[in-house]
Amino acid sequence: MMKKILIPAGVISFIITVTVIIIAIYTVPADNNQIANIQPTSTQTQKVPTITPIPATSIPLTQGNGTTVITPTPTIIPSPTPSGKYKDGTYTGTAYTHRYGTVQIQAVITNSKISDVVFLKLPSGGESSSISSYVSPILKQDTIQSQSANVNVISGATLTSNAFIKSLSSALSQAI
Protein backbone atom coordinates (compact mmCIF):
# COMPACT_ATOMS: atom_id res chain seq x y z
CA MET A 1 0.00 0.00 0.00
CA MET A 2 1.25 3.45 -0.96
CA LYS A 3 1.54 6.30 1.47
CA LYS A 4 -0.04 9.61 0.49
CA ILE A 5 2.11 12.73 0.79
CA LEU A 6 0.31 16.02 1.34
CA ILE A 7 1.99 19.07 -0.16
CA PRO A 8 0.67 22.51 0.85
CA ALA A 9 -0.86 24.58 -1.97
CA GLY A 10 1.69 27.39 -1.47
CA VAL A 11 4.56 25.02 -2.16
CA ILE A 12 2.90 23.79 -5.35
CA SER A 13 2.41 27.38 -6.55
CA PHE A 14 6.05 28.14 -5.82
CA ILE A 15 7.26 25.10 -7.75
CA ILE A 16 5.09 25.99 -10.76
CA THR A 17 6.33 29.61 -10.72
CA VAL A 18 9.98 28.58 -10.56
CA THR A 19 9.44 26.08 -13.39
CA VAL A 20 7.86 28.73 -15.62
CA ILE A 21 10.76 31.11 -14.94
CA ILE A 22 13.35 28.46 -15.75
CA ILE A 23 11.58 27.55 -19.01
CA ALA A 24 11.38 31.24 -19.96
CA ILE A 25 15.10 31.76 -19.30
CA TYR A 26 16.20 28.80 -21.40
CA THR A 27 13.88 29.50 -24.35
CA VAL A 28 14.80 33.19 -24.87
CA PRO A 29 17.84 33.79 -27.13
CA ALA A 30 20.93 34.81 -25.20
CA ASP A 31 21.72 37.85 -27.35
CA ASN A 32 19.85 40.17 -29.65
CA ASN A 33 21.82 39.02 -32.72
CA GLN A 34 19.99 35.71 -32.64
CA ILE A 35 16.69 37.56 -32.79
CA ALA A 36 17.90 39.80 -35.65
CA ASN A 37 19.04 36.81 -37.73
CA ILE A 38 15.64 35.15 -37.84
CA GLN A 39 14.67 34.65 -41.48
CA PRO A 40 11.09 34.54 -42.73
CA THR A 41 9.88 31.07 -43.68
CA SER A 42 7.70 32.39 -46.49
CA THR A 43 8.84 34.01 -49.73
CA GLN A 44 5.86 36.33 -49.74
CA THR A 45 6.44 39.90 -48.64
CA GLN A 46 3.97 41.96 -46.73
CA LYS A 47 3.44 45.65 -47.26
CA VAL A 48 3.96 47.60 -44.04
CA PRO A 49 1.74 50.68 -43.71
CA THR A 50 3.47 54.05 -43.43
CA ILE A 51 2.73 55.99 -40.27
CA THR A 52 2.32 59.72 -40.77
CA PRO A 53 2.81 61.81 -37.63
CA ILE A 54 -0.07 64.06 -36.64
CA PRO A 55 0.74 67.62 -35.54
CA ALA A 56 0.43 68.09 -31.80
CA THR A 57 -2.05 70.91 -32.28
CA SER A 58 -4.83 68.62 -33.50
CA ILE A 59 -5.18 65.09 -32.28
CA PRO A 60 -8.05 63.11 -33.82
CA LEU A 61 -10.01 60.97 -31.41
CA THR A 62 -12.37 58.27 -32.64
CA GLN A 63 -15.48 57.89 -30.56
CA GLY A 64 -17.38 54.65 -30.03
CA ASN A 65 -19.91 55.58 -32.72
CA GLY A 66 -17.14 55.86 -35.36
CA THR A 67 -17.06 59.65 -35.62
CA THR A 68 -13.75 61.46 -35.42
CA VAL A 69 -13.33 64.50 -33.20
CA ILE A 70 -10.40 66.90 -33.58
CA THR A 71 -9.34 68.11 -30.16
CA PRO A 72 -7.17 71.24 -30.15
CA THR A 73 -4.23 71.37 -27.77
CA PRO A 74 -5.14 73.52 -24.75
CA THR A 75 -3.44 76.87 -24.43
CA ILE A 76 -1.87 77.44 -21.04
CA ILE A 77 -2.06 81.03 -19.90
CA PRO A 78 0.48 81.56 -17.12
CA SER A 79 -0.11 84.10 -14.39
CA PRO A 80 1.77 87.37 -14.80
CA THR A 81 5.48 86.69 -14.32
CA PRO A 82 7.43 89.53 -15.91
CA SER A 83 10.03 90.85 -13.51
CA GLY A 84 10.07 94.64 -13.52
CA LYS A 85 7.14 94.92 -15.95
CA TYR A 86 4.39 96.06 -13.56
CA LYS A 87 2.89 99.56 -13.32
CA ASP A 88 3.61 101.25 -9.99
CA GLY A 89 0.68 101.43 -7.60
CA THR A 90 -1.39 99.46 -5.12
CA TYR A 91 -3.71 96.86 -6.62
CA THR A 92 -6.44 95.02 -4.72
CA GLY A 93 -7.16 91.45 -5.69
CA THR A 94 -10.53 89.75 -5.76
CA ALA A 95 -11.63 88.19 -2.48
CA TYR A 96 -11.82 84.40 -2.62
CA THR A 97 -13.76 82.43 -0.02
CA HIS A 98 -13.22 78.79 0.89
CA ARG A 99 -14.74 76.72 3.69
CA TYR A 100 -12.42 78.18 6.36
CA GLY A 101 -12.70 81.84 5.40
CA THR A 102 -11.92 84.55 2.87
CA VAL A 103 -8.56 85.58 1.42
CA GLN A 104 -7.98 88.96 -0.19
CA ILE A 105 -4.67 90.70 -0.80
CA GLN A 106 -3.21 93.93 -2.11
CA ALA A 107 -0.08 93.94 -4.23
CA VAL A 108 2.14 96.99 -3.87
CA ILE A 109 4.26 97.72 -6.94
CA THR A 110 7.27 100.04 -6.61
CA ASN A 111 9.82 100.67 -9.36
CA SER A 112 7.95 98.17 -11.57
CA LYS A 113 8.44 95.34 -9.05
CA ILE A 114 6.32 93.70 -6.34
CA SER A 115 7.58 95.38 -3.18
CA ASP A 116 4.90 94.31 -0.68
CA VAL A 117 1.88 92.08 -0.24
CA VAL A 118 -0.77 93.25 2.20
CA PHE A 119 -3.31 90.75 3.53
CA LEU A 120 -6.70 92.45 3.67
CA LYS A 121 -8.61 89.29 4.63
CA LEU A 122 -7.42 85.95 5.97
CA PRO A 123 -9.32 83.05 7.56
CA SER A 124 -9.60 83.52 11.33
CA GLY A 125 -11.08 81.78 14.32
CA GLY A 126 -9.98 78.53 15.86
CA GLU A 127 -7.16 76.75 14.08
CA SER A 128 -7.55 79.01 11.01
CA SER A 129 -5.93 81.92 12.86
CA SER A 130 -2.74 80.00 13.62
CA ILE A 131 -2.58 78.58 10.08
CA SER A 132 -3.07 82.06 8.57
CA SER A 133 -0.36 83.58 10.77
CA TYR A 134 1.99 80.76 9.74
CA VAL A 135 1.41 80.85 5.97
CA SER A 136 1.03 84.60 5.35
CA PRO A 137 4.73 85.54 5.78
CA ILE A 138 5.80 82.54 3.66
CA LEU A 139 3.42 83.42 0.82
CA LYS A 140 4.47 87.07 1.02
CA GLN A 141 8.19 86.21 0.88
CA ASP A 142 7.69 83.75 -2.02
CA THR A 143 5.74 86.38 -3.96
CA ILE A 144 8.36 89.09 -3.54
CA GLN A 145 11.12 86.63 -4.41
CA SER A 146 9.39 85.24 -7.53
CA GLN A 147 7.91 88.59 -8.60
CA SER A 148 4.79 86.71 -9.65
CA ALA A 149 1.84 84.65 -8.46
CA ASN A 150 3.84 81.49 -9.16
CA VAL A 151 4.32 80.49 -5.53
CA ASN A 152 4.23 77.10 -3.85
CA VAL A 153 1.06 75.84 -2.20
CA ILE A 154 1.78 75.25 1.47
CA SER A 155 0.94 71.81 2.82
CA GLY A 156 -1.71 72.01 5.52
CA ALA A 157 -2.98 75.30 4.12
CA THR A 158 -3.88 74.26 0.59
CA LEU A 159 -7.19 76.14 0.41
CA THR A 160 -5.72 79.35 1.81
CA SER A 161 -2.68 79.08 -0.49
CA ASN A 162 -4.84 78.57 -3.57
CA ALA A 163 -7.14 81.47 -2.62
CA PHE A 164 -4.03 83.65 -2.08
CA ILE A 165 -2.69 82.75 -5.54
CA LYS A 166 -6.05 83.60 -7.16
CA SER A 167 -6.34 86.93 -5.35
CA LEU A 168 -2.74 87.84 -6.11
CA SER A 169 -3.19 86.89 -9.79
CA SER A 170 -6.21 89.17 -10.07
CA ALA A 171 -4.27 92.03 -8.45
CA LEU A 172 -1.23 91.57 -10.70
CA SER A 173 -3.40 91.38 -13.81
CA GLN A 174 -4.45 94.99 -13.05
CA ALA A 175 -0.79 96.04 -12.80
CA ILE A 176 0.20 94.93 -16.29
C-alpha atoms as a PDB file:
ATOM      1  CA  MET A   1       0.000   0.000   0.000  1.00  0.00           C
ATOM      2  CA  MET A   2       1.248   3.454  -0.964  1.00  0.00           C
ATOM      3  CA  LYS A   3       1.539   6.301   1.473  1.00  0.00           C
ATOM      4  CA  LYS A   4      -0.041   9.610   0.489  1.00  0.00           C
ATOM      5  CA  ILE A   5       2.115  12.727   0.787  1.00  0.00           C
ATOM      6  CA  LEU A   6       0.312  16.022   1.345  1.00  0.00           C
ATOM      7  CA  ILE A   7       1.986  19.072  -0.161  1.00  0.00           C
ATOM      8  CA  PRO A   8       0.672  22.505   0.855  1.00  0.00           C
ATOM      9  CA  ALA A   9      -0.862  24.577  -1.966  1.00  0.00           C
ATOM     10  CA  GLY A  10       1.686  27.394  -1.467  1.00  0.00           C
ATOM     11  CA  VAL A  11       4.555  25.020  -2.156  1.00  0.00           C
ATOM     12  CA  ILE A  12       2.905  23.793  -5.352  1.00  0.00           C
ATOM     13  CA  SER A  13       2.412  27.382  -6.546  1.00  0.00           C
ATOM     14  CA  PHE A  14       6.054  28.143  -5.817  1.00  0.00           C
ATOM     15  CA  ILE A  15       7.265  25.098  -7.754  1.00  0.00           C
ATOM     16  CA  ILE A  16       5.094  25.990 -10.764  1.00  0.00           C
ATOM     17  CA  THR A  17       6.329  29.609 -10.724  1.00  0.00           C
ATOM     18  CA  VAL A  18       9.978  28.581 -10.565  1.00  0.00           C
ATOM     19  CA  THR A  19       9.440  26.078 -13.386  1.00  0.00           C
ATOM     20  CA  VAL A  20       7.857  28.725 -15.617  1.00  0.00           C
ATOM     21  CA  ILE A  21      10.756  31.115 -14.943  1.00  0.00           C
ATOM     22  CA  ILE A  22      13.351  28.462 -15.747  1.00  0.00           C
ATOM     23  CA  ILE A  23      11.583  27.555 -19.008  1.00  0.00           C
ATOM     24  CA  ALA A  24      11.381  31.245 -19.961  1.00  0.00           C
ATOM     25  CA  ILE A  25      15.101  31.757 -19.297  1.00  0.00           C
ATOM     26  CA  TYR A  26      16.201  28.796 -21.400  1.00  0.00           C
ATOM     27  CA  THR A  27      13.879  29.497 -24.347  1.00  0.00           C
ATOM     28  CA  VAL A  28      14.799  33.191 -24.875  1.00  0.00           C
ATOM     29  CA  PRO A  29      17.841  33.793 -27.132  1.00  0.00           C
ATOM     30  CA  ALA A  30      20.934  34.806 -25.196  1.00  0.00           C
ATOM     31  CA  ASP A  31      21.724  37.845 -27.349  1.00  0.00           C
ATOM     32  CA  ASN A  32      19.845  40.166 -29.653  1.00  0.00           C
ATOM     33  CA  ASN A  33      21.819  39.021 -32.723  1.00  0.00           C
ATOM     34  CA  GLN A  34      19.995  35.706 -32.645  1.00  0.00           C
ATOM     35  CA  ILE A  35      16.695  37.556 -32.792  1.00  0.00           C
ATOM     36  CA  ALA A  36      17.897  39.800 -35.653  1.00  0.00           C
ATOM     37  CA  ASN A  37      19.042  36.805 -37.726  1.00  0.00           C
ATOM     38  CA  ILE A  38      15.642  35.146 -37.836  1.00  0.00           C
ATOM     39  CA  GLN A  39      14.666  34.645 -41.481  1.00  0.00           C
ATOM     40  CA  PRO A  40      11.093  34.543 -42.725  1.00  0.00           C
ATOM     41  CA  THR A  41       9.877  31.069 -43.676  1.00  0.00           C
ATOM     42  CA  SER A  42       7.699  32.394 -46.489  1.00  0.00           C
ATOM     43  CA  THR A  43       8.842  34.007 -49.726  1.00  0.00           C
ATOM     44  CA  GLN A  44       5.856  36.332 -49.737  1.00  0.00           C
ATOM     45  CA  THR A  45       6.437  39.900 -48.637  1.00  0.00           C
ATOM     46  CA  GLN A  46       3.966  41.958 -46.727  1.00  0.00           C
ATOM     47  CA  LYS A  47       3.439  45.653 -47.261  1.00  0.00           C
ATOM     48  CA  VAL A  48       3.962  47.598 -44.041  1.00  0.00           C
ATOM     49  CA  PRO A  49       1.739  50.679 -43.711  1.00  0.00           C
ATOM     50  CA  THR A  50       3.474  54.047 -43.433  1.00  0.00           C
ATOM     51  CA  ILE A  51       2.729  55.990 -40.274  1.00  0.00           C
ATOM     52  CA  THR A  52       2.322  59.722 -40.770  1.00  0.00           C
ATOM     53  CA  PRO A  53       2.806  61.806 -37.627  1.00  0.00           C
ATOM     54  CA  ILE A  54      -0.066  64.060 -36.637  1.00  0.00           C
ATOM     55  CA  PRO A  55       0.739  67.623 -35.540  1.00  0.00           C
ATOM     56  CA  ALA A  56       0.434  68.090 -31.796  1.00  0.00           C
ATOM     57  CA  THR A  57      -2.053  70.909 -32.281  1.00  0.00           C
ATOM     58  CA  SER A  58      -4.829  68.622 -33.504  1.00  0.00           C
ATOM     59  CA  ILE A  59      -5.183  65.091 -32.276  1.00  0.00           C
ATOM     60  CA  PRO A  60      -8.047  63.110 -33.824  1.00  0.00           C
ATOM     61  CA  LEU A  61     -10.006  60.968 -31.412  1.00  0.00           C
ATOM     62  CA  THR A  62     -12.370  58.267 -32.639  1.00  0.00           C
ATOM     63  CA  GLN A  63     -15.482  57.891 -30.560  1.00  0.00           C
ATOM     64  CA  GLY A  64     -17.381  54.654 -30.032  1.00  0.00           C
ATOM     65  CA  ASN A  65     -19.908  55.584 -32.720  1.00  0.00           C
ATOM     66  CA  GLY A  66     -17.138  55.860 -35.360  1.00  0.00           C
ATOM     67  CA  THR A  67     -17.059  59.653 -35.616  1.00  0.00           C
ATOM     68  CA  THR A  68     -13.748  61.462 -35.424  1.00  0.00           C
ATOM     69  CA  VAL A  69     -13.325  64.500 -33.204  1.00  0.00           C
ATOM     70  CA  ILE A  70     -10.405  66.899 -33.577  1.00  0.00           C
ATOM     71  CA  THR A  71      -9.340  68.111 -30.155  1.00  0.00           C
ATOM     72  CA  PRO A  72      -7.168  71.238 -30.147  1.00  0.00           C
ATOM     73  CA  THR A  73      -4.227  71.372 -27.772  1.00  0.00           C
ATOM     74  CA  PRO A  74      -5.144  73.517 -24.751  1.00  0.00           C
ATOM     75  CA  THR A  75      -3.443  76.872 -24.434  1.00  0.00           C
ATOM     76  CA  ILE A  76      -1.874  77.438 -21.040  1.00  0.00           C
ATOM     77  CA  ILE A  77      -2.056  81.031 -19.897  1.00  0.00           C
ATOM     78  CA  PRO A  78       0.477  81.564 -17.119  1.00  0.00           C
ATOM     79  CA  SER A  79      -0.110  84.096 -14.388  1.00  0.00           C
ATOM     80  CA  PRO A  80       1.770  87.367 -14.800  1.00  0.00           C
ATOM     81  CA  THR A  81       5.482  86.691 -14.317  1.00  0.00           C
ATOM     82  CA  PRO A  82       7.429  89.527 -15.908  1.00  0.00           C
ATOM     83  CA  SER A  83      10.029  90.847 -13.512  1.00  0.00           C
ATOM     84  CA  GLY A  84      10.068  94.643 -13.519  1.00  0.00           C
ATOM     85  CA  LYS A  85       7.136  94.920 -15.947  1.00  0.00           C
ATOM     86  CA  TYR A  86       4.389  96.057 -13.562  1.00  0.00           C
ATOM     87  CA  LYS A  87       2.893  99.555 -13.323  1.00  0.00           C
ATOM     88  CA  ASP A  88       3.609 101.249  -9.994  1.00  0.00           C
ATOM     89  CA  GLY A  89       0.678 101.431  -7.598  1.00  0.00           C
ATOM     90  CA  THR A  90      -1.392  99.460  -5.123  1.00  0.00           C
ATOM     91  CA  TYR A  91      -3.707  96.864  -6.620  1.00  0.00           C
ATOM     92  CA  THR A  92      -6.436  95.020  -4.725  1.00  0.00           C
ATOM     93  CA  GLY A  93      -7.158  91.448  -5.691  1.00  0.00           C
ATOM     94  CA  THR A  94     -10.526  89.751  -5.761  1.00  0.00           C
ATOM     95  CA  ALA A  95     -11.629  88.187  -2.475  1.00  0.00           C
ATOM     96  CA  TYR A  96     -11.816  84.396  -2.621  1.00  0.00           C
ATOM     97  CA  THR A  97     -13.756  82.429  -0.022  1.00  0.00           C
ATOM     98  CA  HIS A  98     -13.219  78.786   0.891  1.00  0.00           C
ATOM     99  CA  ARG A  99     -14.741  76.723   3.693  1.00  0.00           C
ATOM    100  CA  TYR A 100     -12.424  78.177   6.360  1.00  0.00           C
ATOM    101  CA  GLY A 101     -12.699  81.836   5.401  1.00  0.00           C
ATOM    102  CA  THR A 102     -11.916  84.548   2.874  1.00  0.00           C
ATOM    103  CA  VAL A 103      -8.556  85.575   1.422  1.00  0.00           C
ATOM    104  CA  GLN A 104      -7.976  88.964  -0.188  1.00  0.00           C
ATOM    105  CA  ILE A 105      -4.671  90.699  -0.801  1.00  0.00           C
ATOM    106  CA  GLN A 106      -3.211  93.927  -2.107  1.00  0.00           C
ATOM    107  CA  ALA A 107      -0.082  93.944  -4.225  1.00  0.00           C
ATOM    108  CA  VAL A 108       2.143  96.991  -3.867  1.00  0.00           C
ATOM    109  CA  ILE A 109       4.262  97.718  -6.939  1.00  0.00           C
ATOM    110  CA  THR A 110       7.265 100.038  -6.607  1.00  0.00           C
ATOM    111  CA  ASN A 111       9.819 100.666  -9.359  1.00  0.00           C
ATOM    112  CA  SER A 112       7.949  98.169 -11.569  1.00  0.00           C
ATOM    113  CA  LYS A 113       8.436  95.341  -9.051  1.00  0.00           C
ATOM    114  CA  ILE A 114       6.322  93.700  -6.342  1.00  0.00           C
ATOM    115  CA  SER A 115       7.579  95.384  -3.182  1.00  0.00           C
ATOM    116  CA  ASP A 116       4.903  94.312  -0.680  1.00  0.00           C
ATOM    117  CA  VAL A 117       1.882  92.085  -0.245  1.00  0.00           C
ATOM    118  CA  VAL A 118      -0.772  93.248   2.202  1.00  0.00           C
ATOM    119  CA  PHE A 119      -3.306  90.750   3.535  1.00  0.00           C
ATOM    120  CA  LEU A 120      -6.703  92.450   3.672  1.00  0.00           C
ATOM    121  CA  LYS A 121      -8.606  89.294   4.632  1.00  0.00           C
ATOM    122  CA  LEU A 122      -7.418  85.955   5.970  1.00  0.00           C
ATOM    123  CA  PRO A 123      -9.320  83.052   7.560  1.00  0.00           C
ATOM    124  CA  SER A 124      -9.600  83.518  11.326  1.00  0.00           C
ATOM    125  CA  GLY A 125     -11.081  81.780  14.317  1.00  0.00           C
ATOM    126  CA  GLY A 126      -9.983  78.526  15.863  1.00  0.00           C
ATOM    127  CA  GLU A 127      -7.159  76.747  14.075  1.00  0.00           C
ATOM    128  CA  SER A 128      -7.546  79.008  11.011  1.00  0.00           C
ATOM    129  CA  SER A 129      -5.931  81.924  12.862  1.00  0.00           C
ATOM    130  CA  SER A 130      -2.743  79.998  13.621  1.00  0.00           C
ATOM    131  CA  ILE A 131      -2.580  78.582  10.081  1.00  0.00           C
ATOM    132  CA  SER A 132      -3.066  82.058   8.569  1.00  0.00           C
ATOM    133  CA  SER A 133      -0.360  83.576  10.773  1.00  0.00           C
ATOM    134  CA  TYR A 134       1.992  80.765   9.741  1.00  0.00           C
ATOM    135  CA  VAL A 135       1.407  80.851   5.966  1.00  0.00           C
ATOM    136  CA  SER A 136       1.031  84.603   5.347  1.00  0.00           C
ATOM    137  CA  PRO A 137       4.727  85.536   5.785  1.00  0.00           C
ATOM    138  CA  ILE A 138       5.799  82.540   3.663  1.00  0.00           C
ATOM    139  CA  LEU A 139       3.422  83.423   0.821  1.00  0.00           C
ATOM    140  CA  LYS A 140       4.471  87.074   1.016  1.00  0.00           C
ATOM    141  CA  GLN A 141       8.195  86.206   0.876  1.00  0.00           C
ATOM    142  CA  ASP A 142       7.687  83.750  -2.019  1.00  0.00           C
ATOM    143  CA  THR A 143       5.736  86.380  -3.965  1.00  0.00           C
ATOM    144  CA  ILE A 144       8.364  89.092  -3.544  1.00  0.00           C
ATOM    145  CA  GLN A 145      11.123  86.631  -4.415  1.00  0.00           C
ATOM    146  CA  SER A 146       9.391  85.239  -7.532  1.00  0.00           C
ATOM    147  CA  GLN A 147       7.908  88.593  -8.596  1.00  0.00           C
ATOM    148  CA  SER A 148       4.792  86.713  -9.651  1.00  0.00           C
ATOM    149  CA  ALA A 149       1.841  84.653  -8.465  1.00  0.00           C
ATOM    150  CA  ASN A 150       3.840  81.488  -9.160  1.00  0.00           C
ATOM    151  CA  VAL A 151       4.319  80.488  -5.525  1.00  0.00           C
ATOM    152  CA  ASN A 152       4.230  77.096  -3.855  1.00  0.00           C
ATOM    153  CA  VAL A 153       1.065  75.839  -2.205  1.00  0.00           C
ATOM    154  CA  ILE A 154       1.777  75.253   1.472  1.00  0.00           C
ATOM    155  CA  SER A 155       0.938  71.810   2.815  1.00  0.00           C
ATOM    156  CA  GLY A 156      -1.706  72.005   5.522  1.00  0.00           C
ATOM    157  CA  ALA A 157      -2.978  75.305   4.119  1.00  0.00           C
ATOM    158  CA  THR A 158      -3.885  74.264   0.593  1.00  0.00           C
ATOM    159  CA  LEU A 159      -7.192  76.137   0.411  1.00  0.00           C
ATOM    160  CA  THR A 160      -5.723  79.349   1.812  1.00  0.00           C
ATOM    161  CA  SER A 161      -2.676  79.079  -0.488  1.00  0.00           C
ATOM    162  CA  ASN A 162      -4.843  78.566  -3.568  1.00  0.00           C
ATOM    163  CA  ALA A 163      -7.138  81.470  -2.622  1.00  0.00           C
ATOM    164  CA  PHE A 164      -4.033  83.646  -2.084  1.00  0.00           C
ATOM    165  CA  ILE A 165      -2.692  82.749  -5.544  1.00  0.00           C
ATOM    166  CA  LYS A 166      -6.045  83.596  -7.165  1.00  0.00           C
ATOM    167  CA  SER A 167      -6.344  86.930  -5.350  1.00  0.00           C
ATOM    168  CA  LEU A 168      -2.735  87.837  -6.113  1.00  0.00           C
ATOM    169  CA  SER A 169      -3.187  86.894  -9.787  1.00  0.00           C
ATOM    170  CA  SER A 170      -6.208  89.175 -10.065  1.00  0.00           C
ATOM    171  CA  ALA A 171      -4.266  92.035  -8.446  1.00  0.00           C
ATOM    172  CA  LEU A 172      -1.230  91.566 -10.701  1.00  0.00           C
ATOM    173  CA  SER A 173      -3.401  91.376 -13.815  1.00  0.00           C
ATOM    174  CA  GLN A 174      -4.446  94.986 -13.052  1.00  0.00           C
ATOM    175  CA  ALA A 175      -0.789  96.043 -12.797  1.00  0.00           C
ATOM    176  CA  ILE A 176       0.198  94.928 -16.287  1.00  0.00           C
END
